[in-house]
Amino acid sequence: MNGIATHAANGRSRRLVTPEGLALPIIIASRATRFGALVIDLVIMTLGILVVSGTLLMLGIQLFGGKGGGGGRQLGEVVAIAWLIAVWLTRYAYFLFFELGPRGATPGKRLTGIRIAARSGGRLTAEMVLARNLLRDIEIFLPLQLMIGTIGDDGTDITGMAAGAWFLLFALFPLFNRDRLRAGDLIAGTWVVEAPRHRLEALLSASLTARLGASAATGAQYRFSEADLAIYGEFELQTLERVLREDRPEALAAVQDAICRKLGWNPGAGDERAFLEAYYTQLRARLETGMRMGRRKADKNAGTA
């Protein structure tokens, strides 16, 4: 079954339906929060460029500063090339690097408590991240470059006026759709959602108890075999972590039922969180052990690599 997303009654609450049919509650990030995250990221990017450029300038002075008249020209060429490389890497690699990470968020998004998610409910793929960030060029950077290039004109330059209208069209795009989507989100099949800000470890009722598979509430023992844990991979671990962070009873029950059906267990009722804490802790330990030995399992459909 392909994943679909359905709207809740109102506001920013949604239900994300995974390919397995699990309905997970999420909250769409507000427009103000997304703007704040972008501003933080742009500040970080600008500071990074300045630091790299200053460092290379000092290095160039040391290497070429004492070589007479030709040294100044060589220094200028080195700094210019370094500047172009730094700008290119920052402009394209910054968002790709962080959004392809396990958190699906840049530093700006992490500081404001939001992250990227696939609207299909599946994995956030490299193609999705690449598409939404290439569209950022069309939405922001290209019209800004055109507007900056017309500074100093008499105000009648049609290029500057068109660039301003272009920029406003895409900047205001999230105001005209319910899910606060950028054009890049629409093309890539992504949206930006609120991410819980508290640490999962603080929510586990008793991490040692969970590791041992015992319920603090009922005393039930949850120990999973290698075959039970081999079913899922890193993507499912991240989904389970999100469910435990949000701690919504309906989501806990739905995920427990799905896991139990995979394992051939009777899910029962009333001890969903303890079951999921135990499964999360033991699955995480298994996956981390595998990674230390050079074996990774991306998701339930992948073999161990």
Protein backbone atom coordinates (compact mmCIF):
# COMPACT_ATOMS: atom_id res chain seq x y z
CA MET A 1 0.00 0.00 0.00
CA ASN A 2 1.29 3.46 -0.85
CA GLY A 3 1.40 5.91 2.05
CA ILE A 4 -1.06 8.82 2.13
CA ALA A 5 -1.52 11.80 4.43
CA THR A 6 -4.97 12.83 5.63
CA HIS A 7 -5.94 16.08 7.31
CA ALA A 8 -7.24 16.34 10.84
CA ALA A 9 -10.32 18.45 11.50
CA ASN A 10 -8.52 21.79 11.69
CA GLY A 11 -5.35 23.65 12.64
CA ARG A 12 -1.93 22.17 11.99
CA SER A 13 -2.63 18.63 13.21
CA ARG A 14 -2.40 15.91 10.59
CA ARG A 15 -2.30 12.14 10.45
CA LEU A 16 0.59 10.65 8.55
CA VAL A 17 -0.37 7.24 7.18
CA THR A 18 2.66 5.03 6.65
CA PRO A 19 2.93 2.41 3.87
CA GLU A 20 1.98 -0.19 6.48
CA GLY A 21 -1.24 1.65 7.25
CA LEU A 22 -0.21 3.16 10.59
CA ALA A 23 -1.83 6.54 11.26
CA LEU A 24 0.71 8.65 13.16
CA PRO A 25 -0.30 12.08 14.46
CA ILE A 26 2.01 14.96 13.48
CA ILE A 27 1.90 18.75 13.62
CA ILE A 28 2.79 20.88 10.60
CA ALA A 29 5.44 23.51 11.36
CA SER A 30 4.15 27.08 11.40
CA ARG A 31 5.20 29.54 8.71
CA ALA A 32 6.90 31.78 11.29
CA THR A 33 8.93 28.86 12.63
CA ARG A 34 10.05 27.88 9.15
CA PHE A 35 11.08 31.45 8.39
CA GLY A 36 13.03 31.64 11.66
CA ALA A 37 14.83 28.39 10.83
CA LEU A 38 15.78 29.71 7.39
CA VAL A 39 17.14 32.95 8.86
CA ILE A 40 19.27 30.98 11.35
CA ASP A 41 20.60 28.75 8.57
CA LEU A 42 21.43 31.72 6.34
CA VAL A 43 23.29 33.39 9.22
CA ILE A 44 25.27 30.19 9.85
CA MET A 45 26.05 29.86 6.15
CA THR A 46 27.21 33.48 5.90
CA LEU A 47 29.41 33.17 8.98
CA GLY A 48 30.87 29.95 7.60
CA ILE A 49 31.76 31.66 4.32
CA LEU A 50 33.35 34.58 6.16
CA VAL A 51 35.40 32.33 8.43
CA VAL A 52 36.64 30.20 5.52
CA SER A 53 37.41 33.27 3.42
CA GLY A 54 39.29 34.97 6.27
CA THR A 55 41.29 31.84 6.98
CA LEU A 56 42.25 31.44 3.33
CA LEU A 57 43.10 35.12 3.05
CA MET A 58 45.51 34.84 6.00
CA LEU A 59 46.99 31.68 4.49
CA GLY A 60 47.39 33.43 1.12
CA ILE A 61 49.16 36.37 2.74
CA GLN A 62 51.62 33.99 4.37
CA LEU A 63 52.25 32.11 1.13
CA PHE A 64 52.32 34.95 -1.40
CA GLY A 65 52.57 38.19 0.57
CA GLY A 66 56.34 38.41 0.42
CA LYS A 67 56.83 37.58 -3.26
CA GLY A 68 56.82 41.06 -4.74
CA GLY A 69 54.36 42.47 -7.21
CA GLY A 70 53.18 39.11 -8.49
CA GLY A 71 52.29 38.00 -4.98
CA GLY A 72 49.33 40.34 -4.74
CA ARG A 73 47.85 39.02 -8.00
CA GLN A 74 48.34 35.41 -6.90
CA LEU A 75 46.77 36.20 -3.54
CA GLY A 76 43.74 37.73 -5.23
CA GLU A 77 43.31 34.69 -7.47
CA VAL A 78 43.56 32.27 -4.54
CA VAL A 79 41.02 34.19 -2.46
CA ALA A 80 38.64 34.52 -5.42
CA ILE A 81 38.76 30.80 -6.18
CA ALA A 82 38.40 29.91 -2.50
CA TRP A 83 35.44 32.26 -2.20
CA LEU A 84 33.67 30.67 -5.15
CA ILE A 85 34.27 27.16 -3.80
CA ALA A 86 33.08 28.13 -0.31
CA VAL A 87 29.94 29.78 -1.67
CA TRP A 88 29.16 26.82 -3.92
CA LEU A 89 29.66 24.26 -1.15
CA THR A 90 27.66 26.29 1.33
CA ARG A 91 24.83 26.98 -1.07
CA TYR A 92 24.35 23.38 -2.19
CA ALA A 93 25.98 21.09 0.35
CA TYR A 94 24.76 22.68 3.59
CA PHE A 95 21.08 21.75 3.27
CA LEU A 96 21.77 18.42 1.59
CA PHE A 97 24.23 17.30 4.25
CA PHE A 98 22.01 18.04 7.23
CA GLU A 99 18.63 17.11 5.76
CA LEU A 100 19.93 13.74 4.55
CA GLY A 101 21.11 13.00 8.10
CA PRO A 102 19.13 10.88 10.56
CA ARG A 103 17.41 13.94 12.05
CA GLY A 104 16.24 15.30 8.69
CA ALA A 105 16.98 18.84 9.86
CA THR A 106 19.51 21.64 9.44
CA PRO A 107 20.88 23.39 12.55
CA GLY A 108 18.26 26.11 12.07
CA LYS A 109 15.46 23.56 11.97
CA ARG A 110 16.83 21.72 15.00
CA LEU A 111 17.05 24.95 17.02
CA THR A 112 13.44 25.80 16.16
CA GLY A 113 12.18 22.26 16.75
CA ILE A 114 11.17 21.22 13.23
CA ARG A 115 12.28 18.67 10.64
CA ILE A 116 11.63 17.38 7.10
CA ALA A 117 9.29 14.43 6.54
CA ALA A 118 8.04 12.57 3.48
CA ARG A 119 4.34 13.16 2.86
CA SER A 120 4.04 9.53 1.74
CA GLY A 121 4.90 8.33 5.23
CA GLY A 122 7.95 6.46 3.91
CA ARG A 123 11.66 7.19 4.03
CA LEU A 124 12.98 10.65 3.27
CA THR A 125 15.01 9.91 0.12
CA ALA A 126 18.01 11.67 -1.38
CA GLU A 127 15.89 12.50 -4.44
CA MET A 128 13.33 14.32 -2.26
CA VAL A 129 15.97 16.35 -0.44
CA LEU A 130 17.78 17.15 -3.68
CA ALA A 131 14.58 18.27 -5.42
CA ARG A 132 13.40 20.56 -2.62
CA ASN A 133 16.81 22.20 -2.34
CA LEU A 134 17.33 22.69 -6.07
CA LEU A 135 13.96 24.45 -6.10
CA ARG A 136 15.29 26.81 -3.41
CA ASP A 137 17.55 28.29 -6.10
CA ILE A 138 14.50 29.18 -8.19
CA GLU A 139 12.51 30.36 -5.16
CA ILE A 140 15.11 32.47 -3.36
CA PHE A 141 18.67 32.70 -4.61
CA LEU A 142 18.17 33.45 -8.31
CA PRO A 143 15.63 36.29 -7.87
CA LEU A 144 17.75 37.75 -5.06
CA GLN A 145 20.81 37.73 -7.31
CA LEU A 146 18.87 39.52 -10.03
CA MET A 147 17.56 42.12 -7.58
CA ILE A 148 21.04 42.73 -6.14
CA GLY A 149 22.38 43.07 -9.66
CA THR A 150 19.95 45.92 -10.37
CA ILE A 151 20.90 47.97 -7.29
CA GLY A 152 21.89 51.44 -8.40
CA ASP A 153 19.55 51.51 -11.40
CA ASP A 154 16.97 54.27 -11.71
CA GLY A 155 14.15 51.98 -10.54
CA THR A 156 12.65 51.40 -13.99
CA ASP A 157 14.69 48.29 -14.84
CA ILE A 158 12.16 45.63 -15.84
CA THR A 159 14.57 42.88 -14.74
CA GLY A 160 14.62 44.10 -11.14
CA MET A 161 10.85 44.50 -11.07
CA ALA A 162 10.30 41.02 -12.51
CA ALA A 163 12.79 39.53 -10.03
CA GLY A 164 10.97 41.20 -7.13
CA ALA A 165 7.62 39.83 -8.29
CA TRP A 166 9.21 36.40 -8.79
CA PHE A 167 10.66 36.46 -5.28
CA LEU A 168 7.35 37.54 -3.70
CA LEU A 169 5.41 34.86 -5.57
CA PHE A 170 7.48 32.05 -4.10
CA ALA A 171 8.00 33.72 -0.70
CA LEU A 172 4.24 34.00 -0.23
CA PHE A 173 3.49 30.54 -1.63
CA PRO A 174 3.21 28.92 1.86
CA LEU A 175 0.48 31.41 2.75
CA PHE A 176 -1.85 30.00 0.13
CA ASN A 177 -1.91 26.33 1.04
CA ARG A 178 -3.11 24.60 4.18
CA ASP A 179 0.07 22.60 4.76
CA ARG A 180 2.44 25.61 4.62
CA LEU A 181 4.28 24.01 1.68
CA ARG A 182 7.02 25.72 -0.29
CA ALA A 183 7.07 25.06 -4.02
CA GLY A 184 10.06 22.80 -3.29
CA ASP A 185 8.00 20.76 -0.82
CA LEU A 186 5.20 20.42 -3.34
CA ILE A 187 7.56 19.10 -6.03
CA ALA A 188 9.58 16.86 -3.70
CA GLY A 189 6.66 15.33 -1.82
CA THR A 190 7.82 16.60 1.57
CA TRP A 191 6.50 18.76 4.35
CA VAL A 192 8.04 20.31 7.45
CA VAL A 193 6.72 19.09 10.79
CA GLU A 194 7.31 19.83 14.43
CA ALA A 195 9.88 17.57 16.07
CA PRO A 196 9.71 16.87 19.81
CA ARG A 197 12.40 18.86 21.60
CA HIS A 198 12.82 16.62 24.63
CA ARG A 199 15.29 13.77 24.70
CA LEU A 200 13.87 10.29 24.36
CA GLU A 201 16.01 9.04 27.24
CA ALA A 202 14.13 11.35 29.61
CA LEU A 203 10.83 9.79 28.52
CA LEU A 204 11.77 6.16 28.95
CA SER A 205 10.08 4.98 32.12
CA ALA A 206 13.22 3.08 33.14
CA SER A 207 15.93 2.59 30.56
CA LEU A 208 17.51 -0.32 32.43
CA THR A 209 14.10 -1.94 32.83
CA ALA A 210 13.40 -1.42 29.14
CA ARG A 211 16.76 -2.91 28.24
CA LEU A 212 15.91 -5.98 30.28
CA GLY A 213 12.45 -6.12 28.69
CA ALA A 214 10.44 -5.82 31.92
CA SER A 215 7.37 -3.62 32.37
CA ALA A 216 7.50 -1.37 35.42
CA ALA A 217 3.68 -1.20 35.36
CA THR A 218 2.74 -4.88 35.03
CA GLY A 219 5.97 -6.79 35.53
CA ALA A 220 5.58 -8.43 32.12
CA GLN A 221 8.83 -9.53 30.51
CA TYR A 222 9.52 -8.47 26.92
CA ARG A 223 12.53 -10.22 25.47
CA PHE A 224 12.89 -10.38 21.70
CA SER A 225 14.80 -12.96 19.72
CA GLU A 226 17.31 -12.20 16.97
CA ALA A 227 14.65 -13.11 14.40
CA ASP A 228 12.16 -10.71 16.03
CA LEU A 229 14.64 -7.83 15.89
CA ALA A 230 15.95 -8.64 12.39
CA ILE A 231 12.61 -7.63 10.83
CA TYR A 232 13.16 -3.88 11.13
CA GLY A 233 15.92 -1.42 10.32
CA GLU A 234 17.04 2.15 10.97
CA PHE A 235 14.01 3.83 9.38
CA GLU A 236 11.57 1.88 11.55
CA LEU A 237 13.73 2.62 14.60
CA GLN A 238 13.44 6.36 13.86
CA THR A 239 9.66 6.05 13.42
CA LEU A 240 9.38 4.17 16.71
CA GLU A 241 11.52 6.83 18.42
CA ARG A 242 9.19 9.56 17.17
CA VAL A 243 6.14 7.67 18.44
CA LEU A 244 7.73 7.24 21.88
CA ARG A 245 8.72 10.90 22.03
CA GLU A 246 5.22 12.12 21.20
CA ASP A 247 3.66 9.60 23.62
CA ARG A 248 0.18 9.64 22.06
CA PRO A 249 -1.87 6.60 23.25
CA GLU A 250 -3.54 5.94 19.89
CA ALA A 251 -0.20 5.96 18.06
CA LEU A 252 1.43 3.71 20.69
CA ALA A 253 -1.39 1.20 20.36
CA ALA A 254 -1.28 1.25 16.54
CA VAL A 255 2.48 0.72 16.38
CA GLN A 256 2.42 -2.02 19.01
CA ASP A 257 -0.30 -3.81 17.05
CA ALA A 258 1.69 -3.55 13.80
CA ILE A 259 4.88 -4.91 15.40
CA CYS A 260 3.04 -7.74 17.12
CA ARG A 261 1.39 -8.77 13.84
CA LYS A 262 4.87 -8.93 12.25
CA LEU A 263 6.18 -11.00 15.15
CA GLY A 264 3.12 -13.23 15.40
CA TRP A 265 2.45 -12.08 18.97
CA ASN A 266 -0.86 -11.28 20.64
CA PRO A 267 -0.59 -7.51 21.28
CA GLY A 268 -2.87 -7.38 24.31
CA ALA A 269 -3.77 -3.98 25.73
CA GLY A 270 -2.75 -1.62 28.52
CA ASP A 271 1.02 -2.08 28.37
CA GLU A 272 1.78 -0.63 24.94
CA ARG A 273 4.47 1.82 26.03
CA ALA A 274 6.47 -0.73 28.01
CA PHE A 275 6.35 -3.12 25.04
CA LEU A 276 7.56 -0.43 22.63
CA GLU A 277 10.27 0.82 24.99
CA ALA A 278 11.63 -2.71 25.26
CA TYR A 279 11.48 -3.28 21.52
CA TYR A 280 13.05 0.11 20.76
CA THR A 281 15.92 -0.41 23.21
CA GLN A 282 16.71 -3.93 22.04
CA LEU A 283 16.37 -3.07 18.32
CA ARG A 284 18.63 -0.05 18.76
CA ALA A 285 21.25 -2.14 20.53
CA ARG A 286 21.16 -4.70 17.71
CA LEU A 287 21.49 -2.09 14.97
CA GLU A 288 24.32 -0.26 16.76
CA THR A 289 26.19 -3.54 17.20
CA GLY A 290 25.76 -4.26 13.51
CA MET A 291 27.07 -0.80 12.53
CA ARG A 292 30.16 -1.26 14.69
CA MET A 293 30.83 -4.46 12.74
CA GLY A 294 30.25 -2.76 9.38
CA ARG A 295 26.71 -4.07 8.84
CA ARG A 296 23.76 -1.73 8.31
CA LYS A 297 20.07 -2.32 7.68
CA ALA A 298 18.35 0.78 6.29
CA ASP A 299 14.76 -0.43 6.65
CA LYS A 300 12.60 -3.54 6.74
CA ASN A 301 12.89 -4.02 2.96
CA ALA A 302 16.68 -3.90 2.89
CA GLY A 303 19.11 -6.65 3.54
CA THR A 304 22.03 -6.21 5.91
CA ALA A 305 24.87 -4.34 4.18
